[in-house]
PDB file of all heavy atoms in Angstrom:
ATOM      1  N   VAL A   1     -13.782 160.070 -81.365  1.00  0.00           N
ATOM      2  CA  VAL A   1     -14.627 161.165 -80.893  1.00  0.00           C
ATOM      3  C   VAL A   1     -15.922 161.147 -81.692  1.00  0.00           C
ATOM      4  O   VAL A   1     -15.902 161.188 -82.920  1.00  0.00           O
ATOM      5  CB  VAL A   1     -13.917 162.531 -81.035  1.00  0.00           C
ATOM      6  CG1 VAL A   1     -14.834 163.659 -80.608  1.00  0.00           C
ATOM      7  CG2 VAL A   1     -12.626 162.547 -80.224  1.00  0.00           C
ATOM      8  N   ILE A   2     -17.037 161.062 -80.962  1.00  0.00           N
ATOM      9  CA  ILE A   2     -18.355 161.014 -81.578  1.00  0.00           C
ATOM     10  C   ILE A   2     -19.137 162.239 -81.135  1.00  0.00           C
ATOM     11  O   ILE A   2     -19.168 162.569 -79.949  1.00  0.00           O
ATOM     12  CB  ILE A   2     -19.115 159.737 -81.161  1.00  0.00           C
ATOM     13  CG1 ILE A   2     -18.337 158.497 -81.601  1.00  0.00           C
ATOM     14  CG2 ILE A   2     -20.525 159.737 -81.731  1.00  0.00           C
ATOM     15  CD1 ILE A   2     -18.900 157.197 -81.061  1.00  0.00           C
ATOM     16  N   SER A   3     -19.763 162.914 -82.088  1.00  0.00           N
ATOM     17  CA  SER A   3     -20.617 164.052 -81.779  1.00  0.00           C
ATOM     18  C   SER A   3     -21.911 163.911 -82.572  1.00  0.00           C
ATOM     19  O   SER A   3     -21.867 163.751 -83.793  1.00  0.00           O
ATOM     20  CB  SER A   3     -19.924 165.367 -82.136  1.00  0.00           C
ATOM     21  OG  SER A   3     -20.781 166.465 -81.882  1.00  0.00           O
ATOM     22  N   LYS A   4     -23.017 163.958 -81.873  1.00  0.00           N
ATOM     23  CA  LYS A   4     -24.341 163.856 -82.495  1.00  0.00           C
ATOM     24  C   LYS A   4     -24.449 162.628 -83.407  1.00  0.00           C
ATOM     25  O   LYS A   4     -24.967 162.686 -84.512  1.00  0.00           O
ATOM     26  CB  LYS A   4     -24.670 165.128 -83.262  1.00  0.00           C
ATOM     27  CG  LYS A   4     -24.712 166.357 -82.373  1.00  0.00           C
ATOM     28  CD  LYS A   4     -24.969 167.599 -83.160  1.00  0.00           C
ATOM     29  CE  LYS A   4     -24.896 168.793 -82.208  1.00  0.00           C
ATOM     30  NZ  LYS A   4     -24.896 170.054 -82.902  1.00  0.00           N
ATOM     31  N   GLY A   5     -23.886 161.512 -82.933  1.00  0.00           N
ATOM     32  CA  GLY A   5     -23.973 160.261 -83.671  1.00  0.00           C
ATOM     33  C   GLY A   5     -22.988 160.119 -84.812  1.00  0.00           C
ATOM     34  O   GLY A   5     -22.968 159.103 -85.496  1.00  0.00           O
ATOM     35  N   GLU A   6     -22.146 161.111 -85.035  1.00  0.00           N
ATOM     36  CA  GLU A   6     -21.176 161.067 -86.132  1.00  0.00           C
ATOM     37  C   GLU A   6     -19.771 160.860 -85.579  1.00  0.00           C
ATOM     38  O   GLU A   6     -19.338 161.578 -84.670  1.00  0.00           O
ATOM     39  CB  GLU A   6     -21.229 162.374 -86.920  1.00  0.00           C
ATOM     40  CG  GLU A   6     -20.270 162.397 -88.099  1.00  0.00           C
ATOM     41  CD  GLU A   6     -20.299 163.715 -88.852  1.00  0.00           C
ATOM     42  OE1 GLU A   6     -21.161 164.565 -88.571  1.00  0.00           O
ATOM     43  OE2 GLU A   6     -19.436 163.882 -89.721  1.00  0.00           O
ATOM     44  N   LEU A   7     -19.064 159.880 -86.107  1.00  0.00           N
ATOM     45  CA  LEU A   7     -17.690 159.615 -85.725  1.00  0.00           C
ATOM     46  C   LEU A   7     -16.800 160.659 -86.387  1.00  0.00           C
ATOM     47  O   LEU A   7     -16.662 160.686 -87.612  1.00  0.00           O
ATOM     48  CB  LEU A   7     -17.272 158.199 -86.148  1.00  0.00           C
ATOM     49  CG  LEU A   7     -15.883 157.759 -85.742  1.00  0.00           C
ATOM     50  CD1 LEU A   7     -15.703 157.782 -84.229  1.00  0.00           C
ATOM     51  CD2 LEU A   7     -15.617 156.361 -86.274  1.00  0.00           C
ATOM     52  N   LEU A   8     -16.237 161.539 -85.589  1.00  0.00           N
ATOM     53  CA  LEU A   8     -15.440 162.643 -86.124  1.00  0.00           C
ATOM     54  C   LEU A   8     -13.990 162.262 -86.369  1.00  0.00           C
ATOM     55  O   LEU A   8     -13.368 162.768 -87.296  1.00  0.00           O
ATOM     56  CB  LEU A   8     -15.504 163.840 -85.177  1.00  0.00           C
ATOM     57  CG  LEU A   8     -16.893 164.399 -84.881  1.00  0.00           C
ATOM     58  CD1 LEU A   8     -16.801 165.545 -83.885  1.00  0.00           C
ATOM     59  CD2 LEU A   8     -17.577 164.836 -86.161  1.00  0.00           C
ATOM     60  N   LEU A   9     -13.437 161.394 -85.531  1.00  0.00           N
ATOM     61  CA  LEU A   9     -12.056 160.966 -85.737  1.00  0.00           C
ATOM     62  C   LEU A   9     -11.764 159.729 -84.918  1.00  0.00           C
ATOM     63  O   LEU A   9     -12.424 159.453 -83.921  1.00  0.00           O
ATOM     64  CB  LEU A   9     -11.067 162.080 -85.392  1.00  0.00           C
ATOM     65  CG  LEU A   9     -10.919 162.522 -83.930  1.00  0.00           C
ATOM     66  CD1 LEU A   9      -9.860 161.700 -83.213  1.00  0.00           C
ATOM     67  CD2 LEU A   9     -10.523 163.978 -83.877  1.00  0.00           C
ATOM     68  N   ILE A  10     -10.792 158.974 -85.379  1.00  0.00           N
ATOM     69  CA  ILE A  10     -10.187 157.881 -84.620  1.00  0.00           C
ATOM     70  C   ILE A  10      -8.692 158.092 -84.754  1.00  0.00           C
ATOM     71  O   ILE A  10      -8.164 158.222 -85.857  1.00  0.00           O
ATOM     72  CB  ILE A  10     -10.565 156.495 -85.172  1.00  0.00           C
ATOM     73  CG1 ILE A  10     -12.058 156.252 -85.051  1.00  0.00           C
ATOM     74  CG2 ILE A  10      -9.801 155.408 -84.422  1.00  0.00           C
ATOM     75  CD1 ILE A  10     -12.508 154.929 -85.640  1.00  0.00           C
ATOM     76  N   GLU A  11      -8.036 158.148 -83.625  1.00  0.00           N
ATOM     77  CA  GLU A  11      -6.601 158.440 -83.656  1.00  0.00           C
ATOM     78  C   GLU A  11      -5.931 157.795 -82.447  1.00  0.00           C
ATOM     79  O   GLU A  11      -6.563 157.606 -81.407  1.00  0.00           O
ATOM     80  CB  GLU A  11      -6.414 159.958 -83.617  1.00  0.00           C
ATOM     81  CG  GLU A  11      -5.032 160.417 -83.987  1.00  0.00           C
ATOM     82  CD  GLU A  11      -4.992 161.911 -84.275  1.00  0.00           C
ATOM     83  OE1 GLU A  11      -5.999 162.494 -84.692  1.00  0.00           O
ATOM     84  OE2 GLU A  11      -3.913 162.492 -84.077  1.00  0.00           O
ATOM     85  N   GLY A  12      -4.663 157.475 -82.596  1.00  0.00           N
ATOM     86  CA  GLY A  12      -3.897 156.966 -81.466  1.00  0.00           C
ATOM     87  C   GLY A  12      -3.905 157.979 -80.330  1.00  0.00           C
ATOM     88  O   GLY A  12      -3.857 159.185 -80.568  1.00  0.00           O
ATOM     89  N   LYS A  13      -3.987 157.477 -79.102  1.00  0.00           N
ATOM     90  CA  LYS A  13      -4.082 158.365 -77.945  1.00  0.00           C
ATOM     91  C   LYS A  13      -2.913 159.333 -77.874  1.00  0.00           C
ATOM     92  O   LYS A  13      -3.103 160.535 -77.675  1.00  0.00           O
ATOM     93  CB  LYS A  13      -4.162 157.558 -76.658  1.00  0.00           C
ATOM     94  CG  LYS A  13      -4.143 158.430 -75.403  1.00  0.00           C
ATOM     95  CD  LYS A  13      -4.051 157.629 -74.140  1.00  0.00           C
ATOM     96  CE  LYS A  13      -2.691 157.004 -74.028  1.00  0.00           C
ATOM     97  NZ  LYS A  13      -2.484 156.280 -72.793  1.00  0.00           N
ATOM     98  N   ASP A  14      -1.699 158.836 -78.042  1.00  0.00           N
ATOM     99  CA  ASP A  14      -0.528 159.703 -77.922  1.00  0.00           C
ATOM    100  C   ASP A  14      -0.533 160.807 -78.967  1.00  0.00           C
ATOM    101  O   ASP A  14      -0.248 161.963 -78.663  1.00  0.00           O
ATOM    102  CB  ASP A  14       0.762 158.881 -78.007  1.00  0.00           C
ATOM    103  CG  ASP A  14       0.932 157.958 -76.806  1.00  0.00           C
ATOM    104  OD1 ASP A  14       0.326 158.236 -75.746  1.00  0.00           O
ATOM    105  OD2 ASP A  14       1.650 156.952 -76.930  1.00  0.00           O
ATOM    106  N   ALA A  15      -0.882 160.461 -80.204  1.00  0.00           N
ATOM    107  CA  ALA A  15      -0.943 161.471 -81.265  1.00  0.00           C
ATOM    108  C   ALA A  15      -2.034 162.491 -80.982  1.00  0.00           C
ATOM    109  O   ALA A  15      -1.848 163.694 -81.170  1.00  0.00           O
ATOM    110  CB  ALA A  15      -1.180 160.806 -82.621  1.00  0.00           C
ATOM    111  N   LEU A  16      -3.173 162.016 -80.510  1.00  0.00           N
ATOM    112  CA  LEU A  16      -4.284 162.905 -80.199  1.00  0.00           C
ATOM    113  C   LEU A  16      -3.948 163.844 -79.045  1.00  0.00           C
ATOM    114  O   LEU A  16      -4.220 165.046 -79.107  1.00  0.00           O
ATOM    115  CB  LEU A  16      -5.529 162.084 -79.865  1.00  0.00           C
ATOM    116  CG  LEU A  16      -6.830 162.838 -79.690  1.00  0.00           C
ATOM    117  CD1 LEU A  16      -7.252 163.473 -81.013  1.00  0.00           C
ATOM    118  CD2 LEU A  16      -7.917 161.919 -79.181  1.00  0.00           C
ATOM    119  N   MET A  17      -3.323 163.300 -78.000  1.00  0.00           N
ATOM    120  CA  MET A  17      -2.949 164.128 -76.855  1.00  0.00           C
ATOM    121  C   MET A  17      -1.887 165.151 -77.254  1.00  0.00           C
ATOM    122  O   MET A  17      -1.898 166.275 -76.772  1.00  0.00           O
ATOM    123  CB  MET A  17      -2.454 163.263 -75.696  1.00  0.00           C
ATOM    124  CG  MET A  17      -3.535 162.358 -75.119  1.00  0.00           C
ATOM    125  SD  MET A  17      -5.028 163.214 -74.579  1.00  0.00           S
ATOM    126  CE  MET A  17      -4.434 164.039 -73.131  1.00  0.00           C
ATOM    127  N   HIS A  18      -1.003 164.756 -78.145  1.00  0.00           N
ATOM    128  CA  HIS A  18       0.004 165.710 -78.608  1.00  0.00           C
ATOM    129  C   HIS A  18      -0.652 166.838 -79.408  1.00  0.00           C
ATOM    130  O   HIS A  18      -0.308 168.000 -79.266  1.00  0.00           O
ATOM    131  CB  HIS A  18       1.070 165.007 -79.449  1.00  0.00           C
ATOM    132  CG  HIS A  18       2.131 165.929 -79.953  1.00  0.00           C
ATOM    133  ND1 HIS A  18       3.077 166.473 -79.123  1.00  0.00           N
ATOM    134  CD2 HIS A  18       2.366 166.420 -81.184  1.00  0.00           C
ATOM    135  CE1 HIS A  18       3.853 167.268 -79.833  1.00  0.00           C
ATOM    136  NE2 HIS A  18       3.449 167.250 -81.088  1.00  0.00           N
ATOM    137  N   ARG A  19      -1.621 166.471 -80.244  1.00  0.00           N
ATOM    138  CA  ARG A  19      -2.283 167.460 -81.091  1.00  0.00           C
ATOM    139  C   ARG A  19      -3.188 168.389 -80.290  1.00  0.00           C
ATOM    140  O   ARG A  19      -3.267 169.588 -80.556  1.00  0.00           O
ATOM    141  CB  ARG A  19      -3.097 166.744 -82.165  1.00  0.00           C
ATOM    142  CG  ARG A  19      -3.644 167.696 -83.217  1.00  0.00           C
ATOM    143  CD  ARG A  19      -3.922 167.031 -84.542  1.00  0.00           C
ATOM    144  NE  ARG A  19      -4.806 165.908 -84.494  1.00  0.00           N
ATOM    145  CZ  ARG A  19      -6.007 165.887 -85.062  1.00  0.00           C
ATOM    146  NH1 ARG A  19      -6.454 166.942 -85.700  1.00  0.00           N
ATOM    147  NH2 ARG A  19      -6.754 164.822 -85.013  1.00  0.00           N
ATOM    148  N   PHE A  20      -3.900 167.841 -79.291  1.00  0.00           N
ATOM    149  CA  PHE A  20      -4.855 168.647 -78.541  1.00  0.00           C
ATOM    150  C   PHE A  20      -4.434 168.881 -77.095  1.00  0.00           C
ATOM    151  O   PHE A  20      -5.186 169.483 -76.334  1.00  0.00           O
ATOM    152  CB  PHE A  20      -6.238 167.980 -78.545  1.00  0.00           C
ATOM    153  CG  PHE A  20      -6.873 167.964 -79.890  1.00  0.00           C
ATOM    154  CD1 PHE A  20      -6.972 166.784 -80.610  1.00  0.00           C
ATOM    155  CD2 PHE A  20      -7.361 169.128 -80.459  1.00  0.00           C
ATOM    156  CE1 PHE A  20      -7.563 166.758 -81.865  1.00  0.00           C
ATOM    157  CE2 PHE A  20      -7.948 169.117 -81.712  1.00  0.00           C
ATOM    158  CZ  PHE A  20      -8.049 167.931 -82.416  1.00  0.00           C
ATOM    159  N   GLY A  21      -3.274 168.399 -76.722  1.00  0.00           N
ATOM    160  CA  GLY A  21      -2.840 168.469 -75.324  1.00  0.00           C
ATOM    161  C   GLY A  21      -2.210 169.782 -74.933  1.00  0.00           C
ATOM    162  O   GLY A  21      -1.142 169.804 -74.350  1.00  0.00           O
ATOM    163  N   GLN A  22      -2.845 170.856 -75.265  1.00  0.00           N
ATOM    164  CA  GLN A  22      -2.339 172.171 -74.889  1.00  0.00           C
ATOM    165  C   GLN A  22      -2.883 172.562 -73.524  1.00  0.00           C
ATOM    166  O   GLN A  22      -4.054 172.336 -73.218  1.00  0.00           O
ATOM    167  CB  GLN A  22      -2.756 173.237 -75.905  1.00  0.00           C
ATOM    168  CG  GLN A  22      -2.130 173.050 -77.266  1.00  0.00           C
ATOM    169  CD  GLN A  22      -0.641 173.293 -77.253  1.00  0.00           C
ATOM    170  OE1 GLN A  22      -0.174 174.285 -76.720  1.00  0.00           O
ATOM    171  NE2 GLN A  22       0.104 172.373 -77.835  1.00  0.00           N
ATOM    172  N   THR A  23      -2.035 173.125 -72.709  1.00  0.00           N
ATOM    173  CA  THR A  23      -2.438 173.650 -71.418  1.00  0.00           C
ATOM    174  C   THR A  23      -2.324 175.160 -71.494  1.00  0.00           C
ATOM    175  O   THR A  23      -1.398 175.685 -72.103  1.00  0.00           O
ATOM    176  CB  THR A  23      -1.522 173.110 -70.298  1.00  0.00           C
ATOM    177  OG1 THR A  23      -1.715 171.707 -70.209  1.00  0.00           O
ATOM    178  CG2 THR A  23      -1.841 173.738 -68.968  1.00  0.00           C
ATOM    179  N   GLN A  24      -3.264 175.804 -70.879  1.00  0.00           N
ATOM    180  CA  GLN A  24      -3.262 177.252 -70.911  1.00  0.00           C
ATOM    181  C   GLN A  24      -3.447 177.778 -69.495  1.00  0.00           C
ATOM    182  O   GLN A  24      -4.348 177.343 -68.788  1.00  0.00           O
ATOM    183  CB  GLN A  24      -4.393 177.755 -71.808  1.00  0.00           C
ATOM    184  CG  GLN A  24      -4.053 178.990 -72.557  1.00  0.00           C
ATOM    185  CD  GLN A  24      -5.129 179.327 -73.571  1.00  0.00           C
ATOM    186  OE1 GLN A  24      -6.276 179.457 -73.223  1.00  0.00           O
ATOM    187  NE2 GLN A  24      -4.730 179.466 -74.811  1.00  0.00           N
ATOM    188  N   LEU A  25      -2.574 178.660 -69.100  1.00  0.00           N
ATOM    189  CA  LEU A  25      -2.674 179.332 -67.815  1.00  0.00           C
ATOM    190  C   LEU A  25      -3.112 180.753 -68.100  1.00  0.00           C
ATOM    191  O   LEU A  25      -2.472 181.464 -68.877  1.00  0.00           O
ATOM    192  CB  LEU A  25      -1.322 179.327 -67.094  1.00  0.00           C
ATOM    193  CG  LEU A  25      -1.256 180.157 -65.819  1.00  0.00           C
ATOM    194  CD1 LEU A  25      -2.110 179.523 -64.726  1.00  0.00           C
ATOM    195  CD2 LEU A  25       0.179 180.293 -65.357  1.00  0.00           C
ATOM    196  N   ARG A  26      -4.200 181.144 -67.471  1.00  0.00           N
ATOM    197  CA  ARG A  26      -4.720 182.500 -67.671  1.00  0.00           C
ATOM    198  C   ARG A  26      -4.717 183.187 -66.320  1.00  0.00           C
ATOM    199  O   ARG A  26      -5.287 182.677 -65.355  1.00  0.00           O
ATOM    200  CB  ARG A  26      -6.126 182.442 -68.234  1.00  0.00           C
ATOM    201  CG  ARG A  26      -6.721 183.805 -68.494  1.00  0.00           C
ATOM    202  CD  ARG A  26      -8.159 183.662 -68.971  1.00  0.00           C
ATOM    203  NE  ARG A  26      -8.737 184.964 -69.175  1.00  0.00           N
ATOM    204  CZ  ARG A  26      -9.223 185.395 -70.330  1.00  0.00           C
ATOM    205  NH1 ARG A  26      -9.189 184.593 -71.381  1.00  0.00           N
ATOM    206  NH2 ARG A  26      -9.739 186.582 -70.433  1.00  0.00           N
ATOM    207  N   ILE A  27      -4.088 184.343 -66.266  1.00  0.00           N
ATOM    208  CA  ILE A  27      -3.997 185.113 -65.023  1.00  0.00           C
ATOM    209  C   ILE A  27      -4.793 186.395 -65.210  1.00  0.00           C
ATOM    210  O   ILE A  27      -4.490 187.198 -66.096  1.00  0.00           O
ATOM    211  CB  ILE A  27      -2.525 185.443 -64.683  1.00  0.00           C
ATOM    212  CG1 ILE A  27      -1.713 184.143 -64.576  1.00  0.00           C
ATOM    213  CG2 ILE A  27      -2.442 186.258 -63.399  1.00  0.00           C
ATOM    214  CD1 ILE A  27      -0.224 184.346 -64.571  1.00  0.00           C
ATOM    215  N   GLU A  28      -5.833 186.554 -64.386  1.00  0.00           N
ATOM    216  CA  GLU A  28      -6.652 187.765 -64.417  1.00  0.00           C
ATOM    217  C   GLU A  28      -5.974 188.788 -63.505  1.00  0.00           C
ATOM    218  O   GLU A  28      -5.715 188.505 -62.339  1.00  0.00           O
ATOM    219  CB  GLU A  28      -8.069 187.475 -63.907  1.00  0.00           C
ATOM    220  CG  GLU A  28      -8.800 186.396 -64.675  1.00  0.00           C
ATOM    221  CD  GLU A  28      -9.223 186.831 -66.059  1.00  0.00           C
ATOM    222  OE1 GLU A  28      -9.464 188.037 -66.264  1.00  0.00           O
ATOM    223  OE2 GLU A  28      -9.291 185.962 -66.948  1.00  0.00           O
ATOM    224  N   LEU A  29      -5.697 189.952 -64.043  1.00  0.00           N
ATOM    225  CA  LEU A  29      -4.973 190.981 -63.300  1.00  0.00           C
ATOM    226  C   LEU A  29      -5.930 191.951 -62.610  1.00  0.00           C
ATOM    227  O   LEU A  29      -6.972 192.302 -63.156  1.00  0.00           O
ATOM    228  CB  LEU A  29      -4.050 191.752 -64.245  1.00  0.00           C
ATOM    229  CG  LEU A  29      -3.060 190.888 -65.036  1.00  0.00           C
ATOM    230  CD1 LEU A  29      -2.337 191.734 -66.061  1.00  0.00           C
ATOM    231  CD2 LEU A  29      -2.079 190.211 -64.090  1.00  0.00           C
ATOM    232  N   GLN A  30      -5.539 192.401 -61.426  1.00  0.00           N
ATOM    233  CA  GLN A  30      -6.340 193.407 -60.720  1.00  0.00           C
ATOM    234  C   GLN A  30      -6.161 194.779 -61.360  1.00  0.00           C
ATOM    235  O   GLN A  30      -7.090 195.577 -61.414  1.00  0.00           O
ATOM    236  CB  GLN A  30      -5.947 193.469 -59.245  1.00  0.00           C
ATOM    237  CG  GLN A  30      -6.363 192.240 -58.478  1.00  0.00           C
ATOM    238  CD  GLN A  30      -5.963 192.315 -57.011  1.00  0.00           C
ATOM    239  OE1 GLN A  30      -5.132 193.134 -56.616  1.00  0.00           O
ATOM    240  NE2 GLN A  30      -6.554 191.461 -56.207  1.00  0.00           N
ATOM    241  N   ILE A  31      -4.941 195.022 -61.839  1.00  0.00           N
ATOM    242  CA  ILE A  31      -4.637 196.291 -62.494  1.00  0.00           C
ATOM    243  C   ILE A  31      -4.168 195.965 -63.905  1.00  0.00           C
ATOM    244  O   ILE A  31      -3.208 195.218 -64.094  1.00  0.00           O
ATOM    245  CB  ILE A  31      -3.527 197.062 -61.736  1.00  0.00           C
ATOM    246  CG1 ILE A  31      -3.977 197.326 -60.295  1.00  0.00           C
ATOM    247  CG2 ILE A  31      -3.174 198.355 -62.455  1.00  0.00           C
ATOM    248  CD1 ILE A  31      -2.876 197.836 -59.396  1.00  0.00           C
ATOM    249  N   PRO A  32      -4.830 196.504 -64.930  1.00  0.00           N
ATOM    250  CA  PRO A  32      -4.438 196.199 -66.317  1.00  0.00           C
ATOM    251  C   PRO A  32      -3.011 196.660 -66.612  1.00  0.00           C
ATOM    252  O   PRO A  32      -2.518 197.635 -66.043  1.00  0.00           O
ATOM    253  CB  PRO A  32      -5.442 196.989 -67.158  1.00  0.00           C
ATOM    254  CG  PRO A  32      -6.520 197.418 -66.237  1.00  0.00           C
ATOM    255  CD  PRO A  32      -5.970 197.411 -64.856  1.00  0.00           C
ATOM    256  N   LEU A  33      -2.366 195.937 -67.518  1.00  0.00           N
ATOM    257  CA  LEU A  33      -1.016 196.285 -67.966  1.00  0.00           C
ATOM    258  C   LEU A  33      -1.085 196.852 -69.381  1.00  0.00           C
ATOM    259  O   LEU A  33      -1.843 196.355 -70.210  1.00  0.00           O
ATOM    260  CB  LEU A  33      -0.122 195.043 -67.976  1.00  0.00           C
ATOM    261  CG  LEU A  33       0.149 194.358 -66.642  1.00  0.00           C
ATOM    262  CD1 LEU A  33       0.931 193.073 -66.876  1.00  0.00           C
ATOM    263  CD2 LEU A  33       0.911 195.283 -65.707  1.00  0.00           C
ATOM    264  N   SER A  34      -0.284 197.864 -69.634  1.00  0.00           N
ATOM    265  CA  SER A  34      -0.217 198.402 -70.995  1.00  0.00           C
ATOM    266  C   SER A  34       0.826 197.653 -71.821  1.00  0.00           C
ATOM    267  O   SER A  34       0.747 197.616 -73.043  1.00  0.00           O
ATOM    268  CB  SER A  34       0.097 199.898 -70.969  1.00  0.00           C
ATOM    269  OG  SER A  34       1.333 200.106 -70.310  1.00  0.00           O
ATOM    270  N   GLU A  35       1.794 197.033 -71.147  1.00  0.00           N
ATOM    271  CA  GLU A  35       2.801 196.207 -71.815  1.00  0.00           C
ATOM    272  C   GLU A  35       3.313 195.165 -70.848  1.00  0.00           C
ATOM    273  O   GLU A  35       3.158 195.291 -69.636  1.00  0.00           O
ATOM    274  CB  GLU A  35       3.945 197.071 -72.354  1.00  0.00           C
ATOM    275  CG  GLU A  35       4.711 197.834 -71.289  1.00  0.00           C
ATOM    276  CD  GLU A  35       5.770 198.735 -71.890  1.00  0.00           C
ATOM    277  OE1 GLU A  35       5.423 199.538 -72.771  1.00  0.00           O
ATOM    278  OE2 GLU A  35       6.936 198.603 -71.484  1.00  0.00           O
ATOM    279  N   MET A  36       3.916 194.124 -71.409  1.00  0.00           N
ATOM    280  CA  MET A  36       4.437 193.035 -70.600  1.00  0.00           C
ATOM    281  C   MET A  36       5.626 193.531 -69.785  1.00  0.00           C
ATOM    282  O   MET A  36       6.526 194.177 -70.336  1.00  0.00           O
ATOM    283  CB  MET A  36       4.862 191.871 -71.512  1.00  0.00           C
ATOM    284  CG  MET A  36       5.213 190.605 -70.775  1.00  0.00           C
ATOM    285  SD  MET A  36       3.846 189.850 -69.898  1.00  0.00           S
ATOM    286  CE  MET A  36       2.825 189.307 -71.244  1.00  0.00           C
ATOM    287  N   PRO A  37       5.675 193.237 -68.478  1.00  0.00           N
ATOM    288  CA  PRO A  37       6.830 193.644 -67.664  1.00  0.00           C
ATOM    289  C   PRO A  37       8.133 193.040 -68.198  1.00  0.00           C
ATOM    290  O   PRO A  37       8.141 191.911 -68.697  1.00  0.00           O
ATOM    291  CB  PRO A  37       6.500 193.091 -66.282  1.00  0.00           C
ATOM    292  CG  PRO A  37       5.021 192.919 -66.275  1.00  0.00           C
ATOM    293  CD  PRO A  37       4.647 192.587 -67.688  1.00  0.00           C
ATOM    294  N   GLN A  38       9.195 193.783 -68.076  1.00  0.00           N
ATOM    295  CA  GLN A  38      10.524 193.370 -68.561  1.00  0.00           C
ATOM    296  C   GLN A  38      10.912 191.994 -68.017  1.00  0.00           C
ATOM    297  O   GLN A  38      11.458 191.175 -68.750  1.00  0.00           O
ATOM    298  CB  GLN A  38      11.577 194.421 -68.160  1.00  0.00           C
ATOM    299  CG  GLN A  38      12.951 194.183 -68.734  1.00  0.00           C
ATOM    300  CD  GLN A  38      13.000 194.374 -70.241  1.00  0.00           C
ATOM    301  OE1 GLN A  38      12.289 195.200 -70.792  1.00  0.00           O
ATOM    302  NE2 GLN A  38      13.836 193.611 -70.907  1.00  0.00           N
TER     303      GLN A  38
END
C-alpha cells in the first residue's frame, strides 16, 4: 500500500484481507429504536 509516495506496508494478501476484511451492514431505520428488539 502506497500513499503519497510512501510505502506504508507490504503484507501477504491473505493476512491483509483477514486484518482488513471486515464487512459492515448498516440499516437506516425509518423509526428510531430505543433498544434492540428481543
